[in-house]
Structure formats: C-alpha cells, structure tokens
N, C-alpha and C. Protein backbone atom coordinates (compact mmCIF):
# COMPACT_ATOMS: atom_id res chain seq x y z
N MET A 1 11.90 -18.76 -47.33
CA MET A 1 11.18 -18.66 -48.03
C MET A 1 10.55 -16.70 -47.85
N ALA A 2 11.25 -16.21 -46.51
CA ALA A 2 10.71 -14.81 -46.36
C ALA A 2 11.89 -14.16 -46.94
N GLN A 3 13.17 -14.54 -47.60
CA GLN A 3 13.37 -13.55 -48.28
C GLN A 3 12.79 -13.54 -49.28
N ALA A 4 12.54 -14.64 -50.58
CA ALA A 4 11.94 -14.95 -51.42
C ALA A 4 11.37 -13.57 -51.63
N LEU A 5 10.27 -13.70 -50.97
CA LEU A 5 8.87 -13.22 -50.57
C LEU A 5 9.46 -11.24 -49.85
N ASP A 6 10.60 -11.52 -49.40
CA ASP A 6 10.80 -9.90 -49.29
C ASP A 6 9.64 -9.21 -49.66
N GLY A 7 8.97 -8.49 -49.59
CA GLY A 7 8.44 -6.71 -50.06
C GLY A 7 7.44 -7.27 -50.94
N PHE A 8 7.26 -8.78 -51.51
CA PHE A 8 6.62 -9.26 -52.18
C PHE A 8 4.82 -8.67 -51.82
N HIS A 9 3.91 -8.48 -52.56
CA HIS A 9 2.64 -7.95 -52.65
C HIS A 9 1.70 -8.48 -53.44
N VAL A 10 0.77 -8.86 -53.09
CA VAL A 10 -0.43 -9.92 -54.29
C VAL A 10 -1.38 -8.55 -53.77
N ALA A 11 -3.12 -8.93 -54.47
CA ALA A 11 -4.13 -7.94 -54.25
C ALA A 11 -4.83 -9.05 -53.61
N ILE A 12 -6.02 -8.23 -53.24
CA ILE A 12 -6.92 -8.99 -52.51
C ILE A 12 -8.50 -8.45 -52.27
N LEU A 13 -9.69 -9.31 -52.60
CA LEU A 13 -11.22 -8.21 -52.26
C LEU A 13 -11.65 -8.49 -51.83
N GLU A 14 -11.72 -6.69 -50.11
CA GLU A 14 -12.49 -6.65 -49.17
C GLU A 14 -13.16 -5.95 -48.95
N ASP A 15 -14.22 -5.72 -48.44
CA ASP A 15 -15.74 -5.41 -48.95
C ASP A 15 -15.49 -3.93 -47.39
N SER A 16 -16.04 -3.48 -47.56
CA SER A 16 -16.07 -1.98 -46.00
C SER A 16 -15.37 -2.28 -44.96
N ASP A 17 -16.36 -3.23 -44.41
CA ASP A 17 -16.17 -3.86 -42.41
C ASP A 17 -15.14 -4.28 -42.98
N GLY A 18 -14.00 -4.87 -44.14
CA GLY A 18 -12.47 -5.56 -43.72
C GLY A 18 -12.27 -6.98 -44.44
N GLY A 19 -13.76 -7.30 -44.32
CA GLY A 19 -13.91 -8.99 -44.81
C GLY A 19 -12.58 -9.01 -46.27
N MET A 20 -12.49 -10.25 -46.50
CA MET A 20 -11.63 -11.03 -48.03
C MET A 20 -12.83 -11.65 -48.19
N ALA A 21 -12.16 -11.97 -49.84
CA ALA A 21 -12.70 -12.59 -50.45
C ALA A 21 -12.91 -13.53 -50.71
N SER A 22 -13.24 -15.20 -50.07
CA SER A 22 -13.13 -16.61 -49.69
C SER A 22 -13.94 -17.25 -50.77
N VAL A 23 -13.25 -18.47 -50.98
CA VAL A 23 -14.51 -20.01 -51.74
C VAL A 23 -14.46 -20.41 -51.25
N GLN A 24 -14.75 -21.49 -51.63
CA GLN A 24 -14.55 -22.88 -50.91
C GLN A 24 -13.81 -23.81 -51.54
N ASN A 25 -12.89 -24.14 -51.17
CA ASN A 25 -12.18 -24.89 -51.63
C ASN A 25 -13.06 -26.11 -52.55
N ASP A 26 -12.31 -27.71 -52.36
CA ASP A 26 -12.77 -28.76 -52.77
C ASP A 26 -12.46 -29.57 -51.59
N ARG A 27 -12.24 -29.50 -50.33
CA ARG A 27 -12.73 -30.20 -49.16
C ARG A 27 -13.46 -29.22 -48.34
N GLY A 28 -14.43 -28.73 -48.81
CA GLY A 28 -15.20 -27.39 -47.84
C GLY A 28 -14.96 -26.53 -47.02
N GLU A 29 -13.91 -25.93 -47.10
CA GLU A 29 -12.92 -25.59 -46.08
C GLU A 29 -12.92 -23.93 -46.88
N ASN A 30 -13.43 -23.17 -46.58
CA ASN A 30 -13.19 -21.43 -46.68
C ASN A 30 -11.57 -21.48 -46.80
N ALA A 31 -11.00 -20.98 -47.83
CA ALA A 31 -9.78 -20.14 -48.89
C ALA A 31 -10.01 -19.01 -49.28
N LEU A 32 -9.13 -18.29 -48.45
CA LEU A 32 -8.39 -16.73 -48.96
C LEU A 32 -8.76 -16.34 -50.22
N VAL A 33 -9.00 -15.68 -50.88
CA VAL A 33 -8.33 -15.79 -53.17
C VAL A 33 -7.39 -14.55 -52.85
N VAL A 34 -6.78 -15.01 -52.96
CA VAL A 34 -5.43 -13.82 -53.31
C VAL A 34 -4.82 -13.81 -54.85
N PHE A 35 -4.75 -13.16 -55.45
CA PHE A 35 -4.96 -12.23 -56.30
C PHE A 35 -3.29 -12.02 -56.83
N LEU A 36 -2.60 -12.75 -57.83
CA LEU A 36 -1.10 -12.31 -58.32
C LEU A 36 -1.15 -10.90 -58.92
N GLU A 37 -2.12 -10.00 -59.65
CA GLU A 37 -1.84 -8.86 -60.08
C GLU A 37 -3.82 -7.93 -59.57
N PRO A 38 -3.67 -6.59 -60.05
CA PRO A 38 -5.00 -6.66 -59.64
C PRO A 38 -6.44 -6.87 -60.94
N ALA A 39 -5.61 -7.31 -62.46
CA ALA A 39 -6.34 -7.86 -63.24
C ALA A 39 -7.21 -9.05 -63.07
N ALA A 40 -6.29 -9.63 -61.97
CA ALA A 40 -6.38 -10.53 -61.57
C ALA A 40 -8.63 -10.50 -60.30
N ALA A 41 -8.47 -9.57 -59.81
CA ALA A 41 -8.67 -9.28 -58.90
C ALA A 41 -10.24 -8.28 -59.62
N GLU A 42 -10.26 -7.38 -60.81
CA GLU A 42 -10.91 -7.35 -60.92
C GLU A 42 -11.95 -8.26 -62.48
N ALA A 43 -10.76 -9.10 -62.87
CA ALA A 43 -11.27 -9.90 -63.73
C ALA A 43 -12.99 -10.39 -62.61
N ALA A 44 -12.29 -11.30 -61.59
CA ALA A 44 -13.50 -11.96 -59.85
C ALA A 44 -14.42 -10.55 -59.81
N GLN A 45 -14.22 -9.75 -60.06
CA GLN A 45 -15.53 -8.67 -59.57
C GLN A 45 -17.21 -8.82 -60.13
N GLN A 46 -15.91 -9.10 -61.86
CA GLN A 46 -17.59 -9.93 -62.49
C GLN A 46 -18.81 -10.42 -61.69
N ASN A 47 -17.98 -11.35 -60.80
CA ASN A 47 -19.03 -12.61 -60.21
C ASN A 47 -20.34 -11.39 -58.94
N PRO A 48 -21.60 -11.15 -58.85
CA PRO A 48 -22.19 -9.84 -58.31
C PRO A 48 -22.45 -10.36 -56.85
N ALA A 49 -21.39 -11.34 -56.45
CA ALA A 49 -21.34 -11.76 -55.17
C ALA A 49 -19.85 -11.04 -54.26
N VAL A 50 -19.46 -10.45 -55.49
CA VAL A 50 -18.27 -9.85 -54.68
C VAL A 50 -17.44 -8.22 -55.19
N ALA A 51 -18.92 -7.90 -56.29
CA ALA A 51 -18.36 -6.73 -56.91
C ALA A 51 -18.45 -5.75 -56.09
N ASP A 52 -19.02 -5.26 -55.30
CA ASP A 52 -18.95 -4.54 -53.88
C ASP A 52 -17.49 -4.43 -53.61
N MET A 53 -17.36 -5.26 -53.43
CA MET A 53 -15.51 -5.01 -52.96
C MET A 53 -14.30 -3.96 -53.85
N SER A 54 -13.29 -3.91 -53.05
CA SER A 54 -12.57 -3.27 -54.03
C SER A 54 -11.30 -3.87 -53.45
N VAL A 55 -10.74 -3.70 -54.83
CA VAL A 55 -9.35 -4.10 -54.46
C VAL A 55 -8.15 -3.69 -54.15
N ALA A 56 -7.49 -4.65 -52.95
CA ALA A 56 -6.61 -4.20 -52.23
C ALA A 56 -4.94 -4.43 -52.39
N PRO A 57 -3.92 -3.81 -52.36
CA PRO A 57 -2.64 -4.51 -52.55
C PRO A 57 -2.15 -4.88 -50.45
N VAL A 58 -1.56 -6.09 -50.99
CA VAL A 58 -1.32 -6.20 -49.21
C VAL A 58 -0.02 -7.38 -49.78
N PRO A 59 0.74 -6.83 -48.36
CA PRO A 59 1.75 -8.06 -48.31
C PRO A 59 1.81 -9.06 -47.73
N LEU A 60 2.53 -10.50 -48.81
CA LEU A 60 2.06 -11.99 -49.07
C LEU A 60 2.67 -12.23 -47.44
N MET A 61 3.38 -11.82 -47.06
CA MET A 61 3.69 -12.17 -45.94
C MET A 61 3.36 -11.90 -44.58
N LEU A 62 2.67 -10.62 -44.87
CA LEU A 62 1.37 -10.47 -44.01
C LEU A 62 0.06 -11.39 -43.41
N LEU A 63 0.13 -11.67 -45.29
CA LEU A 63 -1.54 -12.45 -45.22
C LEU A 63 -1.05 -14.14 -44.86
N LEU A 64 -0.06 -14.66 -44.86
CA LEU A 64 0.86 -16.07 -44.14
C LEU A 64 0.53 -16.16 -43.08
N SER A 65 1.63 -14.54 -42.10
CA SER A 65 1.33 -15.46 -40.59
C SER A 65 0.14 -14.67 -40.26
N ALA A 66 -1.26 -14.01 -40.66
CA ALA A 66 -2.12 -13.86 -40.64
C ALA A 66 -3.50 -14.81 -40.35
N TRP A 67 -3.51 -15.31 -41.32
CA TRP A 67 -4.48 -16.34 -42.44
C TRP A 67 -4.30 -17.72 -41.82
N ASN A 68 -5.13 -18.07 -40.75
CA ASN A 68 -4.92 -19.85 -40.46
C ASN A 68 -5.71 -20.56 -41.27
N GLY A 69 -5.21 -20.80 -42.28
CA GLY A 69 -6.46 -21.12 -43.09
C GLY A 69 -6.09 -22.11 -44.72
N PRO A 70 -6.26 -22.01 -45.69
CA PRO A 70 -6.41 -22.07 -47.08
C PRO A 70 -6.13 -20.96 -47.93
N ILE A 71 -5.39 -20.98 -48.33
CA ILE A 71 -5.30 -20.02 -49.78
C ILE A 71 -5.42 -20.69 -50.64
N ALA A 72 -6.92 -20.19 -51.98
CA ALA A 72 -6.65 -20.04 -53.30
C ALA A 72 -5.77 -18.14 -54.23
N PHE A 73 -4.72 -19.05 -54.59
CA PHE A 73 -4.05 -18.27 -55.63
C PHE A 73 -4.87 -18.08 -56.56
N GLU A 74 -5.47 -16.52 -57.67
CA GLU A 74 -5.43 -16.52 -59.02
C GLU A 74 -4.46 -15.81 -59.94
N GLY A 75 -4.63 -15.83 -60.87
CA GLY A 75 -4.08 -15.26 -61.96
C GLY A 75 -4.70 -14.43 -62.95
N SER A 76 -5.13 -13.72 -63.43
CA SER A 76 -4.66 -12.68 -65.20
C SER A 76 -5.75 -13.53 -65.52
N PRO A 77 -7.05 -13.70 -66.14
CA PRO A 77 -7.33 -14.54 -67.10
C PRO A 77 -5.94 -14.36 -68.61
N GLN A 78 -5.58 -13.03 -68.34
CA GLN A 78 -4.33 -13.26 -69.50
C GLN A 78 -3.18 -13.76 -68.78
N ALA A 79 -2.70 -13.41 -68.09
CA ALA A 79 -1.77 -14.47 -67.99
C ALA A 79 -1.98 -15.89 -67.77
N ILE A 80 -2.48 -15.99 -67.45
CA ILE A 80 -3.23 -17.69 -67.69
C ILE A 80 -2.73 -17.87 -69.04
N GLU A 81 -4.00 -17.58 -70.05
CA GLU A 81 -3.58 -17.71 -71.05
C GLU A 81 -2.73 -16.90 -72.06
N GLN A 82 -1.70 -16.86 -71.56
CA GLN A 82 -0.35 -16.92 -72.17
C GLN A 82 0.39 -18.17 -71.51
N ALA A 83 0.13 -18.14 -70.11
CA ALA A 83 1.44 -19.23 -69.35
C ALA A 83 1.13 -20.30 -70.26
N ASN A 84 -0.92 -20.76 -70.35
CA ASN A 84 -0.75 -22.02 -71.65
C ASN A 84 -0.93 -22.16 -72.74
N ASP A 85 -0.17 -20.74 -73.13
CA ASP A 85 0.09 -21.03 -74.61
C ASP A 85 1.39 -21.45 -75.10
N LEU A 86 2.43 -20.98 -73.40
CA LEU A 86 3.42 -21.65 -73.33
C LEU A 86 3.95 -22.84 -73.60
N MET A 87 2.62 -24.32 -72.75
CA MET A 87 2.29 -25.10 -72.17
C MET A 87 2.32 -25.86 -73.00
N PRO A 88 1.40 -25.88 -74.18
CA PRO A 88 -0.16 -26.54 -74.73
C PRO A 88 -0.15 -28.02 -74.68
N ASP A 89 0.94 -28.72 -74.32
CA ASP A 89 0.40 -29.92 -74.00
C ASP A 89 0.37 -30.08 -72.53
N MET A 90 0.56 -29.93 -72.05
CA MET A 90 0.26 -29.29 -70.38
C MET A 90 -1.17 -30.35 -69.69
N GLN A 91 -1.65 -31.04 -69.50
CA GLN A 91 -2.95 -31.15 -68.80
C GLN A 91 -3.20 -30.42 -67.84
N GLY A 92 -4.70 -29.52 -68.42
CA GLY A 92 -5.25 -29.25 -67.80
C GLY A 92 -4.63 -27.23 -67.78
N SER A 93 -5.31 -25.94 -67.03
CA SER A 93 -4.42 -24.94 -67.18
C SER A 93 -4.38 -24.53 -65.78
N PHE A 94 -3.19 -23.44 -66.39
CA PHE A 94 -2.96 -22.79 -64.85
C PHE A 94 -3.90 -21.38 -64.59
N GLY A 95 -3.83 -21.60 -63.10
CA GLY A 95 -4.26 -20.99 -62.31
C GLY A 95 -3.97 -20.16 -61.78
N ALA A 96 -2.34 -19.30 -61.43
CA ALA A 96 -1.98 -19.19 -61.01
C ALA A 96 -0.84 -18.47 -61.86
N PRO A 97 -0.60 -18.58 -62.75
CA PRO A 97 0.59 -18.86 -63.35
C PRO A 97 1.81 -17.90 -63.08
N THR A 98 3.82 -17.85 -63.06
CA THR A 98 4.67 -17.12 -62.67
C THR A 98 5.38 -17.94 -63.74
N PHE A 99 6.28 -16.67 -64.35
CA PHE A 99 7.40 -16.73 -65.11
C PHE A 99 8.23 -16.93 -64.97
N PHE A 100 9.81 -18.02 -65.77
CA PHE A 100 11.12 -17.80 -65.26
C PHE A 100 11.59 -17.70 -66.86
N VAL A 101 12.42 -16.95 -66.62
CA VAL A 101 13.83 -16.65 -67.66
C VAL A 101 14.40 -18.05 -67.96
N LEU A 102 14.50 -18.76 -68.71
CA LEU A 102 15.23 -19.63 -69.18
C LEU A 102 16.80 -19.72 -69.93
N THR A 103 17.36 -19.65 -69.55
CA THR A 103 19.30 -19.56 -70.78
C THR A 103 19.16 -21.35 -70.86
N ASP A 104 19.52 -21.51 -71.86
CA ASP A 104 19.87 -23.16 -72.33
C ASP A 104 19.06 -23.75 -70.86
N GLY A 105 18.06 -23.96 -70.26
CA GLY A 105 17.26 -24.53 -69.86
C GLY A 105 17.83 -24.62 -68.69
N ASN A 106 18.63 -24.27 -67.98
CA ASN A 106 18.67 -23.49 -66.95
C ASN A 106 17.74 -22.11 -66.43
N GLU A 107 16.86 -22.33 -64.80
CA GLU A 107 17.02 -20.48 -64.58
C GLU A 107 18.00 -19.03 -64.75
N THR A 108 17.96 -18.07 -65.62
CA THR A 108 18.53 -17.37 -65.49
C THR A 108 18.70 -16.17 -64.38
N GLN A 109 19.76 -16.39 -64.07
CA GLN A 109 19.74 -14.95 -63.03
C GLN A 109 20.75 -13.76 -63.33
N ILE A 110 20.09 -12.60 -62.04
CA ILE A 110 20.55 -11.90 -63.08
C ILE A 110 21.31 -10.89 -61.46
N ASP A 111 22.17 -9.80 -61.44
CA ASP A 111 22.80 -9.56 -60.31
C ASP A 111 21.85 -8.75 -59.75
N ASN A 112 21.52 -8.49 -58.29
CA ASN A 112 20.96 -6.96 -58.40
C ASN A 112 21.98 -6.47 -57.10
N GLY A 113 22.92 -6.84 -57.40
CA GLY A 113 23.72 -5.23 -56.84
C GLY A 113 24.50 -5.91 -55.07
N GLN A 114 23.69 -7.32 -54.28
CA GLN A 114 23.89 -7.13 -53.95
C GLN A 114 24.19 -9.15 -53.74
N GLY A 115 24.61 -9.28 -55.07
CA GLY A 115 24.78 -10.80 -55.71
C GLY A 115 23.85 -11.26 -56.33
N PRO A 116 23.53 -13.02 -56.76
CA PRO A 116 22.73 -13.54 -58.22
C PRO A 116 21.60 -14.06 -57.43
N ILE A 117 20.46 -13.65 -58.47
CA ILE A 117 19.02 -13.64 -57.72
C ILE A 117 18.21 -14.40 -58.98
N THR A 118 17.90 -14.90 -58.70
CA THR A 118 16.61 -15.80 -60.13
C THR A 118 15.30 -15.21 -59.96
N PRO A 119 14.79 -14.21 -60.16
CA PRO A 119 13.65 -13.50 -60.76
C PRO A 119 12.22 -14.40 -60.76
N VAL A 120 11.01 -14.87 -60.31
CA VAL A 120 10.12 -14.75 -60.43
C VAL A 120 8.92 -14.39 -60.52
N LEU A 121 8.72 -14.00 -62.42
CA LEU A 121 7.72 -12.88 -62.38
C LEU A 121 6.43 -13.45 -62.91
N LEU A 122 5.93 -12.40 -62.04
CA LEU A 122 4.19 -12.26 -62.65
C LEU A 122 3.46 -11.95 -63.74
N SER A 123 4.40 -10.92 -64.50
CA SER A 123 4.05 -11.13 -65.46
C SER A 123 4.43 -11.40 -67.14
N TYR A 124 3.96 -11.74 -67.82
CA TYR A 124 4.68 -12.38 -68.99
C TYR A 124 5.98 -11.02 -69.65
N ALA A 125 5.13 -9.62 -69.85
CA ALA A 125 5.68 -8.91 -70.24
C ALA A 125 6.62 -8.84 -70.02
N ASP A 126 6.86 -8.85 -68.49
CA ASP A 126 8.82 -9.25 -67.06
C ASP A 126 9.13 -9.45 -68.15
N ALA A 127 8.98 -10.72 -68.32
CA ALA A 127 10.06 -11.93 -68.42
C ALA A 127 10.15 -11.81 -70.13
N ASP A 128 9.41 -11.71 -70.67
CA ASP A 128 9.31 -10.88 -72.37
C ASP A 128 10.53 -9.97 -72.71
N GLU A 129 10.67 -9.05 -71.82
CA GLU A 129 11.66 -8.09 -71.73
C GLU A 129 13.14 -8.24 -71.23
N MET A 130 12.76 -8.99 -70.31
CA MET A 130 14.28 -10.45 -69.51
C MET A 130 14.50 -10.67 -70.69
N ALA A 131 13.92 -11.51 -71.33
CA ALA A 131 14.19 -12.42 -72.29
C ALA A 131 15.29 -11.29 -73.76
N SER A 132 14.44 -10.53 -74.07
CA SER A 132 14.27 -9.43 -74.75
C SER A 132 16.92 -8.70 -74.22
N LYS A 133 15.92 -8.41 -72.90
CA LYS A 133 17.74 -8.02 -72.56
C LYS A 133 19.11 -9.26 -73.26
N LEU A 134 18.63 -10.34 -72.34
CA LEU A 134 19.59 -11.10 -72.27
C LEU A 134 20.01 -11.30 -74.33
N GLN A 135 19.53 -11.00 -75.11
CA GLN A 135 19.68 -11.09 -76.65
C GLN A 135 20.33 -9.77 -76.63
N GLU A 136 20.24 -8.78 -76.12
CA GLU A 136 21.21 -7.40 -75.97
C GLU A 136 22.21 -7.71 -75.75
N GLN A 137 22.88 -8.55 -75.03
CA GLN A 137 24.03 -9.25 -74.17
C GLN A 137 24.64 -10.15 -74.57
N GLY A 138 24.26 -10.37 -75.47
CA GLY A 138 24.71 -12.08 -77.05
C GLY A 138 24.80 -13.37 -76.75
N VAL A 139 23.58 -13.19 -75.69
CA VAL A 139 22.69 -14.44 -75.78
C VAL A 139 21.95 -15.51 -77.21
N GLU A 140 22.29 -15.73 -77.36
CA GLU A 140 21.55 -16.20 -77.88
C GLU A 140 19.88 -16.59 -78.51
N GLU A 141 18.63 -16.42 -79.28
CA GLU A 141 18.01 -16.20 -78.77
C GLU A 141 16.95 -17.68 -78.79
N SER A 142 18.02 -18.43 -79.80
CA SER A 142 17.25 -19.81 -79.78
C SER A 142 17.13 -20.46 -78.35
N SER A 143 18.40 -20.11 -77.44
CA SER A 143 18.72 -20.26 -75.86
C SER A 143 17.89 -20.07 -74.58
N ILE A 144 17.14 -18.66 -75.29
CA ILE A 144 16.30 -18.91 -74.09
C ILE A 144 15.26 -19.16 -74.26
N SER A 145 14.11 -19.55 -73.52
CA SER A 145 13.33 -20.04 -73.62
C SER A 145 12.46 -18.80 -71.84
N ILE A 146 10.79 -18.61 -72.45
CA ILE A 146 10.21 -18.36 -70.96
C ILE A 146 9.18 -19.81 -70.68
N MET A 147 9.33 -19.68 -69.12
CA MET A 147 8.67 -21.36 -68.50
C MET A 147 7.90 -20.74 -67.34
N PRO A 148 6.31 -21.27 -67.50
CA PRO A 148 5.48 -20.55 -66.69
C PRO A 148 5.61 -21.99 -65.50
N ILE A 149 5.30 -20.79 -64.45
CA ILE A 149 5.12 -22.16 -63.24
C ILE A 149 4.30 -22.11 -62.08
N GLU A 150 2.88 -23.04 -61.81
CA GLU A 150 2.37 -22.75 -60.78
C GLU A 150 2.98 -21.78 -59.86
N PHE A 151 2.05 -20.92 -59.61
CA PHE A 151 2.68 -19.91 -57.97
C PHE A 151 2.64 -20.63 -57.10
N GLY A 152 1.71 -21.53 -57.11
CA GLY A 152 1.40 -21.89 -55.09
C GLY A 152 2.94 -23.79 -55.71
N SER A 153 2.87 -23.79 -56.84
CA SER A 153 4.29 -24.73 -57.01
C SER A 153 5.24 -24.43 -56.47
N VAL A 154 5.62 -23.08 -56.84
CA VAL A 154 7.24 -21.78 -56.01
C VAL A 154 6.81 -22.11 -54.93
N LEU A 155 5.31 -21.56 -54.49
CA LEU A 155 5.17 -21.31 -52.86
C LEU A 155 6.28 -22.84 -51.97
N GLN A 156 6.17 -23.78 -52.72
CA GLN A 156 5.99 -25.76 -51.97
C GLN A 156 7.16 -25.87 -52.54
N GLU A 157 7.66 -24.81 -53.39
CA GLU A 157 9.65 -25.52 -53.65
C GLU A 157 10.67 -24.01 -52.03
N LEU A 158 9.67 -23.51 -52.52
CA LEU A 158 10.76 -22.02 -51.60
C LEU A 158 10.82 -22.44 -49.96
N ASN A 159 9.48 -23.30 -49.51
CA ASN A 159 8.99 -23.50 -47.94
C ASN A 159 10.03 -25.48 -48.20
N THR A 160 11.01 -25.08 -48.78
CA THR A 160 11.22 -26.60 -49.06
C THR A 160 12.93 -26.12 -49.00
N MET A 161 13.29 -25.20 -48.64
CA MET A 161 15.00 -24.64 -49.74
C MET A 161 14.87 -24.70 -47.76
N PRO A 162 16.72 -25.34 -47.09
CA PRO A 162 16.49 -24.94 -46.12
C PRO A 162 17.33 -23.78 -45.58
N GLN A 163 18.18 -23.33 -46.89
CA GLN A 163 18.81 -21.60 -47.28
C GLN A 163 18.65 -20.82 -47.90
N ASP A 164 18.61 -19.17 -47.90
CA ASP A 164 17.65 -18.52 -49.05
C ASP A 164 18.69 -19.16 -50.59
N PHE A 165 18.40 -19.87 -50.89
CA PHE A 165 19.59 -19.82 -53.00
C PHE A 165 18.88 -19.07 -53.15
N GLY A 166 18.72 -17.34 -53.40
CA GLY A 166 18.41 -16.57 -54.33
C GLY A 166 17.40 -16.26 -55.17
N TYR A 167 16.24 -16.72 -54.94
CA TYR A 167 14.91 -17.10 -55.88
C TYR A 167 14.35 -15.94 -55.12
N ARG A 168 13.79 -14.83 -56.07
CA ARG A 168 13.28 -13.46 -55.24
C ARG A 168 11.49 -13.14 -56.05
N VAL A 169 10.52 -13.24 -55.49
CA VAL A 169 9.32 -13.30 -56.46
C VAL A 169 9.09 -11.38 -56.72
N PHE A 170 8.91 -11.02 -57.61
CA PHE A 170 9.00 -9.97 -57.93
C PHE A 170 7.72 -8.66 -57.75
N THR A 171 6.85 -8.39 -57.40
CA THR A 171 5.56 -6.96 -57.22
C THR A 171 5.12 -7.69 -58.80
N HIS A 172 3.68 -8.10 -59.03
CA HIS A 172 3.44 -7.44 -60.45
C HIS A 172 3.39 -6.01 -60.57
N PRO A 173 3.64 -5.30 -61.99
CA PRO A 173 3.46 -3.87 -62.71
C PRO A 173 2.83 -3.18 -62.05
N GLY A 174 1.56 -4.06 -62.08
CA GLY A 174 -0.41 -3.11 -61.64
C GLY A 174 -0.51 -3.05 -60.07
N THR A 175 0.31 -4.53 -59.22
CA THR A 175 0.08 -4.14 -57.85
C THR A 175 0.41 -3.02 -57.63
N VAL A 176 2.03 -3.15 -58.05
CA VAL A 176 2.97 -1.84 -57.97
C VAL A 176 2.44 -0.14 -58.22
N GLU A 177 1.91 -0.75 -59.31
CA GLU A 177 0.66 0.76 -59.70
C GLU A 177 -0.53 1.53 -58.56
N LEU A 178 -1.07 -0.14 -58.27
CA LEU A 178 -2.20 0.44 -57.12
C LEU A 178 -1.62 0.66 -55.92
N ILE A 179 -0.73 0.64 -55.40
CA ILE A 179 -0.15 0.56 -54.01
C ILE A 179 0.57 2.48 -54.57
N GLN A 180 0.77 2.23 -55.43
CA GLN A 180 1.60 3.67 -55.54
C GLN A 180 0.42 4.53 -55.24
N ALA A 181 -0.61 4.43 -56.17
CA ALA A 181 -1.83 5.09 -56.47
C ALA A 181 -2.49 5.50 -54.89
N GLN A 182 -2.14 4.61 -54.17
CA GLN A 182 -3.48 4.29 -52.81
C GLN A 182 -2.69 5.41 -51.42
N GLN A 183 -1.14 5.86 -52.10
CA GLN A 183 -0.41 6.50 -50.95
C GLN A 183 -0.88 8.03 -50.25
N PRO A 184 -0.39 8.38 -49.60
CA PRO A 184 -0.76 9.64 -49.44
C PRO A 184 -0.22 10.26 -50.43
N GLY A 185 -0.80 11.50 -50.44
CA GLY A 185 -0.37 12.81 -50.91
C GLY A 185 -0.13 12.22 -53.40
N ASP A 186 -1.12 10.85 -53.59
CA ASP A 186 -0.46 10.50 -54.57
C ASP A 186 -1.55 11.58 -55.59
N THR A 187 -1.07 12.26 -56.71
CA THR A 187 -1.96 12.88 -57.34
C THR A 187 -2.31 12.43 -58.44
N ALA A 188 -1.93 11.42 -58.81
CA ALA A 188 -2.33 10.38 -60.36
C ALA A 188 -3.85 10.75 -60.84
N GLN A 189 -4.40 10.80 -61.61
CA GLN A 189 -5.32 10.90 -62.66
C GLN A 189 -6.04 9.40 -63.33
C-alpha cells in the first residue's frame, strides 16, 4: 500500500491550534475527516462548527501513521454527483469516489517510465482526459469506460495485496494547486 500512496496528498480542516475536523461515526467514535480534494473541504466549511478552520494539504501516509483511530473520507459534491451519474443503479451514494479508466472492462495501465501502473484518479476530469488520450491512440471509444469506486474500498483492496501490483493513487489537481500556493516564495495570486 505504501507504494500506491507514495506522494499522495489529501486535504484536512485544521484550526489555529493544529486540531483537525472530526465527526462521530456510527459506532460513536471520533473519526478524522479527510477530504480527497480541497473543494470537498470548502463545501464542509459551510457548517458553522468548522467554518473558521482552514484547508490544509497533508500526505495521507503521514495521517495514517499518526492517527490512531477511524478516518472518514469525503469527496466533493461534484465528484460524488459524477460518480453517482456513472452508476445510477447503485444503491446508496458515493461518499469519496475515485475513478478508474477501463478498456474492454479491464483496468487501463499506463507506462510511467518505470513500468506499467494502474492510475487511481480522484478527478473525473483526469479520467476523462485519460480516456480521450486512449481514443487518440486508436482505442475504440465503445471499449473505453470510466468506473467510480469508493476510496475506502480502494484502500482496503490495496491493504490486502502482498506486493506492489502497480496501483498509484494520484493527488487531486486542486490539492496540487493548494500545495503549490502554500510553498514559500510563491507569487500566485
């Protein structure tokens, strides 16, 4: 799992004292709220209880090693809507969707220069762009699809793999922008 999550960042809401937003789960435990993208954290700030907290990027592996308790993952309302639209017959709703690009029903791999990897994408736009690139390479449009999978399910599956099978979770573009904006010497406006 460490290889799949290497370099992967998420967003949290934190207060000025370093406290992080949490919710009570169905077992009555405080679960740390981890957002797959800043837009999800910004949507959560509509709740007056966390409105004064700030959005901060953090490596997920750091959180997993430092937090001794449950974690509640949340996606943005837009990502959830896109995932639900792709799977209209699914019972319930997505909470923190990721997106896989499939070719002929199989997970599509790309070569990152070090070998084949299967990208786990947090952005539907990234998945759609990958699908378009496949079409440009001559893959029939009818054989390409985008499949949403709940992020927690991806983590559970990665945790059961005895070795690296080439899955890589990619940081959401919005989180990358947040990281870049917080770097010293940044002149972004």
